[in-house]
PDB file of N, CA and C in Angstrom:
ATOM      1  N   MET A   1      -7.574 -13.896  -6.127  1.00  0.00           N
ATOM      2  CA  MET A   1      -6.438 -14.456  -6.916  1.00  0.00           C
ATOM      3  C   MET A   1      -6.899 -16.101  -7.458  1.00  0.00           C
ATOM      4  N   THR A   2      -6.108 -16.533  -8.244  1.00  0.00           N
ATOM      5  CA  THR A   2      -6.255 -17.884  -8.860  1.00  0.00           C
ATOM      6  C   THR A   2      -4.935 -18.240  -8.801  1.00  0.00           C
ATOM      7  N   THR A   3      -5.399 -19.580  -8.779  1.00  0.00           N
ATOM      8  CA  THR A   3      -3.922 -20.270  -8.395  1.00  0.00           C
ATOM      9  C   THR A   3      -4.085 -21.680  -9.645  1.00  0.00           C
ATOM     10  N   LYS A   4      -3.248 -21.631 -10.355  1.00  0.00           N
ATOM     11  CA  LYS A   4      -2.954 -22.793 -11.279  1.00  0.00           C
ATOM     12  C   LYS A   4      -2.478 -24.189 -10.728  1.00  0.00           C
ATOM     13  N   ALA A   5      -3.317 -25.122 -11.402  1.00  0.00           N
ATOM     14  CA  ALA A   5      -2.704 -26.528 -10.361  1.00  0.00           C
ATOM     15  C   ALA A   5      -1.586 -27.198 -11.431  1.00  0.00           C
ATOM     16  N   VAL A   6      -0.971 -27.634 -10.558  1.00  0.00           N
ATOM     17  CA  VAL A   6       0.637 -28.243 -11.768  1.00  0.00           C
ATOM     18  C   VAL A   6       0.137 -29.786 -11.537  1.00  0.00           C
ATOM     19  N   ALA A   7       0.485 -30.042 -12.651  1.00  0.00           N
ATOM     20  CA  ALA A   7       0.115 -31.771 -13.364  1.00  0.00           C
ATOM     21  C   ALA A   7       1.271 -32.576 -12.983  1.00  0.00           C
ATOM     22  N   PRO A   8       0.532 -33.647 -12.409  1.00  0.00           N
ATOM     23  CA  PRO A   8       1.157 -34.371 -11.718  1.00  0.00           C
ATOM     24  C   PRO A   8       2.841 -34.531 -12.615  1.00  0.00           C
ATOM     25  N   GLY A   9       3.842 -34.905 -11.576  1.00  0.00           N
ATOM     26  CA  GLY A   9       5.765 -35.180 -12.225  1.00  0.00           C
ATOM     27  C   GLY A   9       5.464 -33.177 -12.921  1.00  0.00           C
ATOM     28  N   GLN A  10       5.093 -32.390 -12.876  1.00  0.00           N
ATOM     29  CA  GLN A  10       5.623 -31.127 -13.348  1.00  0.00           C
ATOM     30  C   GLN A  10       6.490 -30.399 -11.786  1.00  0.00           C
ATOM     31  N   GLU A  11       7.728 -29.879 -12.081  1.00  0.00           N
ATOM     32  CA  GLU A  11       8.434 -29.088 -10.573  1.00  0.00           C
ATOM     33  C   GLU A  11       7.759 -27.765 -11.148  1.00  0.00           C
ATOM     34  N   ILE A  12       8.016 -26.982  -9.697  1.00  0.00           N
ATOM     35  CA  ILE A  12       7.645 -26.080  -9.919  1.00  0.00           C
ATOM     36  C   ILE A  12       9.210 -25.397  -9.091  1.00  0.00           C
ATOM     37  N   TYR A  13       9.579 -24.027 -10.270  1.00  0.00           N
ATOM     38  CA  TYR A  13      10.439 -22.813  -9.541  1.00  0.00           C
ATOM     39  C   TYR A  13       9.972 -21.969  -8.442  1.00  0.00           C
ATOM     40  N   VAL A  14      10.903 -21.734  -8.092  1.00  0.00           N
ATOM     41  CA  VAL A  14      10.741 -19.919  -7.445  1.00  0.00           C
ATOM     42  C   VAL A  14      11.235 -19.074  -8.028  1.00  0.00           C
ATOM     43  N   THR A  15      11.155 -17.965  -8.635  1.00  0.00           N
ATOM     44  CA  THR A  15      11.976 -16.522  -9.504  1.00  0.00           C
ATOM     45  C   THR A  15      11.557 -15.838  -8.817  1.00  0.00           C
ATOM     46  N   SER A  16      12.674 -15.175  -8.434  1.00  0.00           N
ATOM     47  CA  SER A  16      12.095 -13.337  -8.749  1.00  0.00           C
ATOM     48  C   SER A  16      11.127 -12.633  -9.253  1.00  0.00           C
ATOM     49  N   THR A  17      11.192 -13.240 -10.668  1.00  0.00           N
ATOM     50  CA  THR A  17      10.070 -12.737 -11.007  1.00  0.00           C
ATOM     51  C   THR A  17       8.733 -12.881 -10.498  1.00  0.00           C
ATOM     52  N   ALA A  18       8.691 -14.354 -10.002  1.00  0.00           N
ATOM     53  CA  ALA A  18       7.366 -15.004  -9.246  1.00  0.00           C
ATOM     54  C   ALA A  18       7.054 -13.964  -8.155  1.00  0.00           C
ATOM     55  N   ILE A  19       8.285 -13.999  -7.631  1.00  0.00           N
ATOM     56  CA  ILE A  19       8.268 -13.411  -6.206  1.00  0.00           C
ATOM     57  C   ILE A  19       7.931 -11.835  -6.271  1.00  0.00           C
ATOM     58  N   GLY A  20       8.103 -10.873  -7.340  1.00  0.00           N
ATOM     59  CA  GLY A  20       7.523  -9.731  -7.899  1.00  0.00           C
ATOM     60  C   GLY A  20       6.061  -9.352  -7.450  1.00  0.00           C
ATOM     61  N   HIS A  21       6.255 -10.865  -8.699  1.00  0.00           N
ATOM     62  CA  HIS A  21       4.708 -10.498  -8.974  1.00  0.00           C
ATOM     63  C   HIS A  21       3.456 -10.919  -7.637  1.00  0.00           C
ATOM     64  N   THR A  22       4.028 -11.639  -6.999  1.00  0.00           N
ATOM     65  CA  THR A  22       3.400 -11.864  -5.770  1.00  0.00           C
ATOM     66  C   THR A  22       2.998 -10.732  -4.853  1.00  0.00           C
ATOM     67  N   ARG A  23       4.498 -10.076  -4.875  1.00  0.00           N
ATOM     68  CA  ARG A  23       4.375  -8.762  -4.200  1.00  0.00           C
ATOM     69  C   ARG A  23       3.180  -7.771  -4.992  1.00  0.00           C
ATOM     70  N   ASP A  24       3.388  -7.575  -6.349  1.00  0.00           N
ATOM     71  CA  ASP A  24       2.486  -6.541  -6.854  1.00  0.00           C
ATOM     72  C   ASP A  24       1.008  -7.072  -6.655  1.00  0.00           C
ATOM     73  N   ARG A  25       0.777  -8.316  -6.815  1.00  0.00           N
ATOM     74  CA  ARG A  25      -0.599  -8.564  -6.451  1.00  0.00           C
ATOM     75  C   ARG A  25      -0.885  -8.050  -5.133  1.00  0.00           C
ATOM     76  N   VAL A  26      -0.055  -8.465  -3.763  1.00  0.00           N
ATOM     77  CA  VAL A  26      -0.557  -8.847  -2.956  1.00  0.00           C
ATOM     78  C   VAL A  26      -0.806  -6.610  -2.109  1.00  0.00           C
ATOM     79  N   ASP A  27       0.040  -5.991  -2.920  1.00  0.00           N
ATOM     80  CA  ASP A  27      -0.289  -4.681  -2.656  1.00  0.00           C
ATOM     81  C   ASP A  27      -1.194  -3.705  -3.233  1.00  0.00           C
ATOM     82  N   ASP A  28      -1.464  -4.544  -4.708  1.00  0.00           N
ATOM     83  CA  ASP A  28      -2.379  -3.353  -5.463  1.00  0.00           C
ATOM     84  C   ASP A  28      -3.812  -4.411  -5.972  1.00  0.00           C
ATOM     85  N   GLU A  29      -3.997  -5.876  -4.749  1.00  0.00           N
ATOM     86  CA  GLU A  29      -5.556  -6.164  -5.157  1.00  0.00           C
ATOM     87  C   GLU A  29      -5.769  -6.620  -3.284  1.00  0.00           C
ATOM     88  N   LEU A  30      -4.965  -7.469  -2.930  1.00  0.00           N
ATOM     89  CA  LEU A  30      -5.270  -7.805  -1.211  1.00  0.00           C
ATOM     90  C   LEU A  30      -5.730  -6.206  -0.678  1.00  0.00           C
ATOM     91  N   LYS A  31      -4.500  -5.620  -0.892  1.00  0.00           N
ATOM     92  CA  LYS A  31      -4.467  -4.181   0.371  1.00  0.00           C
ATOM     93  C   LYS A  31      -5.584  -3.321  -0.593  1.00  0.00           C
ATOM     94  N   ALA A  32      -6.099  -3.174  -1.354  1.00  0.00           N
ATOM     95  CA  ALA A  32      -7.238  -2.594  -1.584  1.00  0.00           C
ATOM     96  C   ALA A  32      -8.502  -3.275  -1.447  1.00  0.00           C
ATOM     97  N   ALA A  33      -8.619  -4.506  -1.695  1.00  0.00           N
ATOM     98  CA  ALA A  33      -9.605  -5.024  -0.809  1.00  0.00           C
ATOM     99  C   ALA A  33      -9.893  -4.525   0.841  1.00  0.00           C
ATOM    100  N   ILE A  34      -8.975  -4.859   1.453  1.00  0.00           N
ATOM    101  CA  ILE A  34      -8.683  -4.140   2.773  1.00  0.00           C
ATOM    102  C   ILE A  34      -9.607  -3.013   2.700  1.00  0.00           C
ATOM    103  N   SER A  35      -8.673  -2.005   1.994  1.00  0.00           N
ATOM    104  CA  SER A  35      -9.177  -1.065   2.751  1.00  0.00           C
ATOM    105  C   SER A  35     -10.334  -0.250   2.026  1.00  0.00           C
ATOM    106  N   PHE A  36     -10.670  -1.235   0.954  1.00  0.00           N
ATOM    107  CA  PHE A  36     -12.910  -1.678   0.798  1.00  0.00           C
ATOM    108  C   PHE A  36     -13.232  -1.586   1.629  1.00  0.00           C
ATOM    109  N   VAL A  37     -12.768  -3.076   1.961  1.00  0.00           N
ATOM    110  CA  VAL A  37     -13.608  -3.312   3.326  1.00  0.00           C
ATOM    111  C   VAL A  37     -13.440  -2.288   4.373  1.00  0.00           C
ATOM    112  N   ARG A  38     -12.965  -1.835   4.422  1.00  0.00           N
ATOM    113  CA  ARG A  38     -12.390  -0.617   5.800  1.00  0.00           C
ATOM    114  C   ARG A  38     -13.107   0.193   5.334  1.00  0.00           C
ATOM    115  N   SER A  39     -13.232   0.920   4.512  1.00  0.00           N
ATOM    116  CA  SER A  39     -14.149   2.246   3.930  1.00  0.00           C
ATOM    117  C   SER A  39     -15.977   2.261   4.246  1.00  0.00           C
ATOM    118  N   LEU A  40     -16.165   0.857   4.031  1.00  0.00           N
ATOM    119  CA  LEU A  40     -17.132   0.515   4.417  1.00  0.00           C
ATOM    120  C   LEU A  40     -18.231   0.401   5.780  1.00  0.00           C
ATOM    121  N   VAL A  41     -16.815   0.069   6.862  1.00  0.00           N
ATOM    122  CA  VAL A  41     -17.223   0.361   8.383  1.00  0.00           C
ATOM    123  C   VAL A  41     -18.269   1.559   8.387  1.00  0.00           C
ATOM    124  N   GLY A  42     -17.500   2.530   7.781  1.00  0.00           N
ATOM    125  CA  GLY A  42     -17.795   3.689   8.329  1.00  0.00           C
ATOM    126  C   GLY A  42     -19.545   3.951   7.673  1.00  0.00           C
ATOM    127  N   THR A  43     -19.965   3.229   6.434  1.00  0.00           N
ATOM    128  CA  THR A  43     -21.236   3.840   6.157  1.00  0.00           C
ATOM    129  C   THR A  43     -22.029   2.846   7.203  1.00  0.00           C
ATOM    130  N   VAL A  44     -21.623   1.923   8.071  1.00  0.00           N
ATOM    131  CA  VAL A  44     -23.160   1.354   8.742  1.00  0.00           C
ATOM    132  C   VAL A  44     -23.395   1.540  10.273  1.00  0.00           C
ATOM    133  N   GLY A  45     -23.026   2.629  10.384  1.00  0.00           N
ATOM    134  CA  GLY A  45     -23.886   3.311  11.739  1.00  0.00           C
ATOM    135  C   GLY A  45     -25.576   3.710  11.444  1.00  0.00           C
ATOM    136  N   VAL A  46     -25.566   3.555  12.445  1.00  0.00           N
ATOM    137  CA  VAL A  46     -26.736   3.574  12.970  1.00  0.00           C
ATOM    138  C   VAL A  46     -27.418   4.376  13.682  1.00  0.00           C
ATOM    139  N   GLU A  47     -28.352   5.505  12.743  1.00  0.00           N
ATOM    140  CA  GLU A  47     -28.336   6.656  13.821  1.00  0.00           C
ATOM    141  C   GLU A  47     -29.459   6.458  14.601  1.00  0.00           C
ATOM    142  N   ALA A  48     -29.689   7.469  15.960  1.00  0.00           N
ATOM    143  CA  ALA A  48     -31.096   7.541  16.484  1.00  0.00           C
ATOM    144  C   ALA A  48     -32.280   7.738  15.369  1.00  0.00           C
ATOM    145  N   PRO A  49     -33.156   7.296  15.825  1.00  0.00           N
ATOM    146  CA  PRO A  49     -33.695   5.902  16.855  1.00  0.00           C
ATOM    147  C   PRO A  49     -33.093   5.023  16.343  1.00  0.00           C
ATOM    148  N   GLY A  50     -32.709   4.414  15.136  1.00  0.00           N
ATOM    149  CA  GLY A  50     -32.141   2.915  14.358  1.00  0.00           C
ATOM    150  C   GLY A  50     -32.917   1.589  15.367  1.00  0.00           C
ATOM    151  N   PHE A  51     -32.420   1.851  16.574  1.00  0.00           N
ATOM    152  CA  PHE A  51     -32.656   0.396  17.381  1.00  0.00           C
ATOM    153  C   PHE A  51     -33.710   1.018  18.460  1.00  0.00           C
ATOM    154  N   GLY A  52     -34.641   1.879  18.604  1.00  0.00           N
ATOM    155  CA  GLY A  52     -35.559   2.785  19.234  1.00  0.00           C
ATOM    156  C   GLY A  52     -34.708   2.665  20.466  1.00  0.00           C
ATOM    157  N   VAL A  53     -35.476   3.749  21.754  1.00  0.00           N
ATOM    158  CA  VAL A  53     -35.072   3.741  22.644  1.00  0.00           C
ATOM    159  C   VAL A  53     -34.433   2.837  23.868  1.00  0.00           C
ATOM    160  N   LEU A  54     -35.291   1.347  23.481  1.00  0.00           N
ATOM    161  CA  LEU A  54     -34.708   0.330  24.598  1.00  0.00           C
ATOM    162  C   LEU A  54     -33.611  -0.410  24.233  1.00  0.00           C
ATOM    163  N   GLY A  55     -33.837   0.223  22.667  1.00  0.00           N
ATOM    164  CA  GLY A  55     -33.078  -1.030  21.643  1.00  0.00           C
ATOM    165  C   GLY A  55     -31.162  -0.490  21.643  1.00  0.00           C
ATOM    166  N   GLU A  56     -31.359   0.783  21.745  1.00  0.00           N
ATOM    167  CA  GLU A  56     -30.119   1.510  21.653  1.00  0.00           C
ATOM    168  C   GLU A  56     -29.496   1.622  22.831  1.00  0.00           C
ATOM    169  N   MET A  57     -30.443   1.547  24.021  1.00  0.00           N
ATOM    170  CA  MET A  57     -29.847   1.363  25.405  1.00  0.00           C
ATOM    171  C   MET A  57     -29.372  -0.012  25.405  1.00  0.00           C
ATOM    172  N   VAL A  58     -30.037  -1.418  24.820  1.00  0.00           N
ATOM    173  CA  VAL A  58     -29.061  -2.367  25.153  1.00  0.00           C
ATOM    174  C   VAL A  58     -27.847  -3.044  23.906  1.00  0.00           C
ATOM    175  N   LEU A  59     -28.529  -2.087  22.747  1.00  0.00           N
ATOM    176  CA  LEU A  59     -27.420  -2.670  21.643  1.00  0.00           C
ATOM    177  C   LEU A  59     -26.405  -1.729  21.039  1.00  0.00           C
ATOM    178  N   GLY A  60     -26.950  -0.105  21.298  1.00  0.00           N
ATOM    179  CA  GLY A  60     -26.363   0.890  20.660  1.00  0.00           C
ATOM    180  C   GLY A  60     -24.688   0.365  20.697  1.00  0.00           C
ATOM    181  N   GLY A  61     -24.513   0.970  22.047  1.00  0.00           N
ATOM    182  CA  GLY A  61     -22.856   0.496  22.651  1.00  0.00           C
ATOM    183  C   GLY A  61     -22.438  -0.588  21.911  1.00  0.00           C
ATOM    184  N   THR A  62     -23.094  -1.543  22.169  1.00  0.00           N
ATOM    185  CA  THR A  62     -22.451  -3.156  21.332  1.00  0.00           C
ATOM    186  C   THR A  62     -21.993  -2.662  20.100  1.00  0.00           C
ATOM    187  N   TYR A  63     -23.018  -2.633  19.278  1.00  0.00           N
ATOM    188  CA  TYR A  63     -22.961  -1.950  17.588  1.00  0.00           C
ATOM    189  C   TYR A  63     -21.764  -1.275  17.755  1.00  0.00           C
ATOM    190  N   ASP A  64     -21.746  -0.205  18.216  1.00  0.00           N
ATOM    191  CA  ASP A  64     -20.411   0.720  18.268  1.00  0.00           C
ATOM    192  C   ASP A  64     -19.130   0.140  18.624  1.00  0.00           C
ATOM    193  N   GLY A  65     -19.304  -0.370  19.468  1.00  0.00           N
ATOM    194  CA  GLY A  65     -17.711  -0.529  20.340  1.00  0.00           C
ATOM    195  C   GLY A  65     -17.533  -1.937  18.547  1.00  0.00           C
ATOM    196  N   MET A  66     -18.110  -2.394  18.080  1.00  0.00           N
ATOM    197  CA  MET A  66     -18.021  -3.726  17.102  1.00  0.00           C
ATOM    198  C   MET A  66     -17.900  -2.646  16.276  1.00  0.00           C
ATOM    199  N   CYS A  67     -17.982  -1.781  15.304  1.00  0.00           N
ATOM    200  CA  CYS A  67     -17.874  -0.932  14.510  1.00  0.00           C
ATOM    201  C   CYS A  67     -16.318  -0.162  14.831  1.00  0.00           C
ATOM    202  N   ARG A  68     -15.654   0.275  15.598  1.00  0.00           N
ATOM    203  CA  ARG A  68     -14.813   0.552  16.219  1.00  0.00           C
ATOM    204  C   ARG A  68     -13.847  -0.521  15.979  1.00  0.00           C
ATOM    205  N   TRP A  69     -13.798  -1.281  16.587  1.00  0.00           N
ATOM    206  CA  TRP A  69     -12.937  -3.054  16.682  1.00  0.00           C
ATOM    207  C   TRP A  69     -12.677  -3.109  15.060  1.00  0.00           C
ATOM    208  N   ALA A  70     -14.066  -3.577  14.231  1.00  0.00           N
ATOM    209  CA  ALA A  70     -13.419  -3.682  12.767  1.00  0.00           C
ATOM    210  C   ALA A  70     -12.613  -2.413  12.202  1.00  0.00           C
ATOM    211  N   ASP A  71     -12.733  -1.679  12.578  1.00  0.00           N
ATOM    212  CA  ASP A  71     -12.044  -0.827  12.142  1.00  0.00           C
ATOM    213  C   ASP A  71     -10.831  -0.675  12.493  1.00  0.00           C
ATOM    214  N   SER A  72     -10.571  -1.081  13.518  1.00  0.00           N
ATOM    215  CA  SER A  72      -9.028  -1.346  14.125  1.00  0.00           C
ATOM    216  C   SER A  72      -8.518  -2.182  13.744  1.00  0.00           C
ATOM    217  N   THR A  73      -9.436  -3.061  14.200  1.00  0.00           N
ATOM    218  CA  THR A  73      -8.537  -4.584  13.525  1.00  0.00           C
ATOM    219  C   THR A  73      -8.288  -4.309  11.329  1.00  0.00           C
ATOM    220  N   LEU A  74      -9.397  -3.813  10.773  1.00  0.00           N
ATOM    221  CA  LEU A  74      -8.622  -3.859   9.030  1.00  0.00           C
ATOM    222  C   LEU A  74      -7.645  -2.874   9.181  1.00  0.00           C
ATOM    223  N   GLY A  75      -7.749  -1.834  10.390  1.00  0.00           N
ATOM    224  CA  GLY A  75      -6.296  -0.648   9.850  1.00  0.00           C
ATOM    225  C   GLY A  75      -5.360  -1.670  10.414  1.00  0.00           C
ATOM    226  N   GLN A  76      -5.106  -2.764  11.199  1.00  0.00           N
ATOM    227  CA  GLN A  76      -3.970  -3.874  11.940  1.00  0.00           C
ATOM    228  C   GLN A  76      -3.747  -4.297  10.237  1.00  0.00           C
ATOM    229  N   ALA A  77      -4.782  -5.079   9.315  1.00  0.00           N
ATOM    230  CA  ALA A  77      -4.356  -6.350   8.481  1.00  0.00           C
ATOM    231  C   ALA A  77      -3.901  -5.506   7.098  1.00  0.00           C
ATOM    232  N   GLU A  78      -4.341  -3.565   6.891  1.00  0.00           N
ATOM    233  CA  GLU A  78      -3.524  -2.983   5.906  1.00  0.00           C
ATOM    234  C   GLU A  78      -2.114  -3.611   6.179  1.00  0.00           C
ATOM    235  N   GLU A  79      -1.512  -2.781   7.619  1.00  0.00           N
ATOM    236  CA  GLU A  79      -0.451  -2.819   8.137  1.00  0.00           C
ATOM    237  C   GLU A  79       0.038  -3.838   8.190  1.00  0.00           C
ATOM    238  N   THR A  80      -0.446  -5.387   8.092  1.00  0.00           N
ATOM    239  CA  THR A  80       0.636  -6.295   8.090  1.00  0.00           C
ATOM    240  C   THR A  80       0.813  -5.972   6.421  1.00  0.00           C
ATOM    241  N   VAL A  81      -0.438  -6.330   5.966  1.00  0.00           N
ATOM    242  CA  VAL A  81      -0.016  -6.050   4.392  1.00  0.00           C
ATOM    243  C   VAL A  81       1.275  -5.207   3.276  1.00  0.00           C
ATOM    244  N   ASP A  82       1.357  -4.266   4.562  1.00  0.00           N
ATOM    245  CA  ASP A  82       2.594  -3.271   4.122  1.00  0.00           C
ATOM    246  C   ASP A  82       3.458  -3.976   4.407  1.00  0.00           C
ATOM    247  N   SER A  83       3.891  -4.738   5.348  1.00  0.00           N
ATOM    248  CA  SER A  83       4.778  -5.429   6.050  1.00  0.00           C
ATOM    249  C   SER A  83       5.177  -6.688   5.284  1.00  0.00           C
ATOM    250  N   TRP A  84       4.431  -7.602   4.395  1.00  0.00           N
ATOM    251  CA  TRP A  84       4.693  -8.139   3.671  1.00  0.00           C
ATOM    252  C   TRP A  84       4.698  -7.817   2.842  1.00  0.00           C
ATOM    253  N   VAL A  85       4.254  -6.829   1.892  1.00  0.00           N
ATOM    254  CA  VAL A  85       4.886  -6.333   0.702  1.00  0.00           C
ATOM    255  C   VAL A  85       6.545  -5.824   0.721  1.00  0.00           C
ATOM    256  N   GLY A  86       6.834  -5.599   2.147  1.00  0.00           N
ATOM    257  CA  GLY A  86       8.353  -5.098   2.439  1.00  0.00           C
ATOM    258  C   GLY A  86       9.148  -5.987   2.309  1.00  0.00           C
ATOM    259  N   ALA A  87       8.162  -6.756   2.779  1.00  0.00           N
ATOM    260  CA  ALA A  87       8.695  -8.196   3.093  1.00  0.00           C
ATOM    261  C   ALA A  87       9.412  -9.172   1.625  1.00  0.00           C
ATOM    262  N   LEU A  88       8.678  -8.688   0.824  1.00  0.00           N
ATOM    263  CA  LEU A  88       8.573  -9.404  -0.710  1.00  0.00           C
ATOM    264  C   LEU A  88       9.852  -9.109  -1.624  1.00  0.00           C
ATOM    265  N   SER A  89       9.574  -7.614  -1.007  1.00  0.00           N
ATOM    266  CA  SER A  89      10.941  -6.823  -1.784  1.00  0.00           C
ATOM    267  C   SER A  89      11.881  -7.186  -1.388  1.00  0.00           C
ATOM    268  N   ILE A  90      12.296  -7.583  -0.200  1.00  0.00           N
ATOM    269  CA  ILE A  90      13.384  -7.681   0.203  1.00  0.00           C
ATOM    270  C   ILE A  90      13.890  -9.186  -0.409  1.00  0.00           C
ATOM    271  N   GLY A  91      12.518 -10.019   0.111  1.00  0.00           N
ATOM    272  CA  GLY A  91      13.143 -11.011  -0.579  1.00  0.00           C
ATOM    273  C   GLY A  91      13.146 -11.371  -2.363  1.00  0.00           C
ATOM    274  N   GLU A  92      12.558 -10.470  -3.138  1.00  0.00           N
ATOM    275  CA  GLU A  92      12.495 -10.156  -4.117  1.00  0.00           C
ATOM    276  C   GLU A  92      14.172 -10.296  -5.070  1.00  0.00           C
ATOM    277  N   ARG A  93      14.828  -9.551  -3.496  1.00  0.00           N
ATOM    278  CA  ARG A  93      15.778  -8.907  -4.317  1.00  0.00           C
ATOM    279  C   ARG A  93      16.533  -9.411  -3.690  1.00  0.00           C
ATOM    280  N   ASN A  94      16.925 -10.395  -2.962  1.00  0.00           N
ATOM    281  CA  ASN A  94      17.833 -10.864  -2.530  1.00  0.00           C
ATOM    282  C   ASN A  94      18.123 -12.636  -3.031  1.00  0.00           C
ATOM    283  N   TRP A  95      16.801 -13.079  -3.908  1.00  0.00           N
ATOM    284  CA  TRP A  95      16.335 -13.808  -4.884  1.00  0.00           C
ATOM    285  C   TRP A  95      17.178 -13.885  -5.972  1.00  0.00           C
ATOM    286  N   ARG A  96      16.772 -12.084  -6.285  1.00  0.00           N
ATOM    287  CA  ARG A  96      17.474 -11.769  -7.763  1.00  0.00           C
ATOM    288  C   ARG A  96      19.241 -11.820  -7.743  1.00  0.00           C
ATOM    289  N   ALA A  97      19.761 -11.648  -6.817  1.00  0.00           N
ATOM    290  CA  ALA A  97      20.952 -12.036  -6.046  1.00  0.00           C
ATOM    291  C   ALA A  97      21.591 -13.117  -6.112  1.00  0.00           C
ATOM    292  N   ALA A  98      20.555 -14.192  -4.871  1.00  0.00           N
ATOM    293  CA  ALA A  98      20.954 -15.839  -5.476  1.00  0.00           C
ATOM    294  C   ALA A  98      21.292 -15.890  -7.055  1.00  0.00           C
ATOM    295  N   GLU A  99      20.240 -15.890  -7.660  1.00  0.00           N
ATOM    296  CA  GLU A  99      19.904 -15.947  -9.581  1.00  0.00           C
ATOM    297  C   GLU A  99      21.299 -15.807  -9.576  1.00  0.00           C
ATOM    298  N   LYS A 100      21.685 -14.481  -9.820  1.00  0.00           N
ATOM    299  CA  LYS A 100      22.788 -13.692 -10.656  1.00  0.00           C
ATOM    300  C   LYS A 100      24.269 -14.468 -10.047  1.00  0.00           C
ATOM    301  N   HIS A 101      23.825 -14.831  -8.550  1.00  0.00           N
ATOM    302  CA  HIS A 101      25.401 -15.156  -8.201  1.00  0.00           C
ATOM    303  C   HIS A 101      25.464 -16.748  -8.532  1.00  0.00           C
ATOM    304  N   SER A 102      24.185 -17.116  -9.082  1.00  0.00           N
ATOM    305  CA  SER A 102      24.734 -18.820  -8.979  1.00  0.00           C
ATOM    306  C   SER A 102      24.568 -18.948 -10.984  1.00  0.00           C
ATOM    307  N   ALA A 103      24.571 -18.396 -11.519  1.00  0.00           N
ATOM    308  CA  ALA A 103      24.370 -17.527 -12.580  1.00  0.00           C
ATOM    309  C   ALA A 103      26.159 -18.966 -13.452  1.00  0.00           C
ATOM    310  N   VAL A 104      26.232 -19.928 -14.579  1.00  0.00           N
ATOM    311  CA  VAL A 104      27.080 -19.960 -14.472  1.00  0.00           C
ATOM    312  C   VAL A 104      27.979 -19.152 -15.434  1.00  0.00           C
ATOM    313  N   ARG A 105      29.550 -18.841 -15.637  1.00  0.00           N
ATOM    314  CA  ARG A 105      29.644 -17.458 -16.227  1.00  0.00           C
ATOM    315  C   ARG A 105      31.083 -18.607 -16.751  1.00  0.00           C
ATOM    316  N   TYR A 106      31.602 -18.688 -18.123  1.00  0.00           N
ATOM    317  CA  TYR A 106      32.721 -19.896 -19.155  1.00  0.00           C
ATOM    318  C   TYR A 106      33.502 -18.595 -19.152  1.00  0.00           C
ATOM    319  N   ARG A 107      34.819 -19.103 -19.532  1.00  0.00           N
ATOM    320  CA  ARG A 107      36.096 -17.882 -19.429  1.00  0.00           C
ATOM    321  C   ARG A 107      36.782 -18.694 -20.668  1.00  0.00           C
ATOM    322  N   LYS A 108      36.961 -17.317 -21.856  1.00  0.00           N
ATOM    323  CA  LYS A 108      37.749 -18.428 -22.975  1.00  0.00           C
ATOM    324  C   LYS A 108      39.197 -18.011 -22.648  1.00  0.00           C
TER     325      LYS A 108
END
């Protein structure tokens, strides 16, 4: 993700379109990145006798535990991103309604 610097004295306005764009990027880019990293966890297993007999007794269980922890943590991150997408969708809808209701209407 990239950010643009604001020129001094320039004002920033939030719009429903900007919220929707942010939601799309979170869903398309952030979630995809987390899912990709989570898919890599399954590829880092060390088969016996990778650590050796002594190494397996000392490190094997801990290493497997860390792999399970990483998978669980990244799964929770995916769920969190899904909740952000839902919240941003609601925010976009509410902001759009506020924009619509704050529009000036002229009568003839």
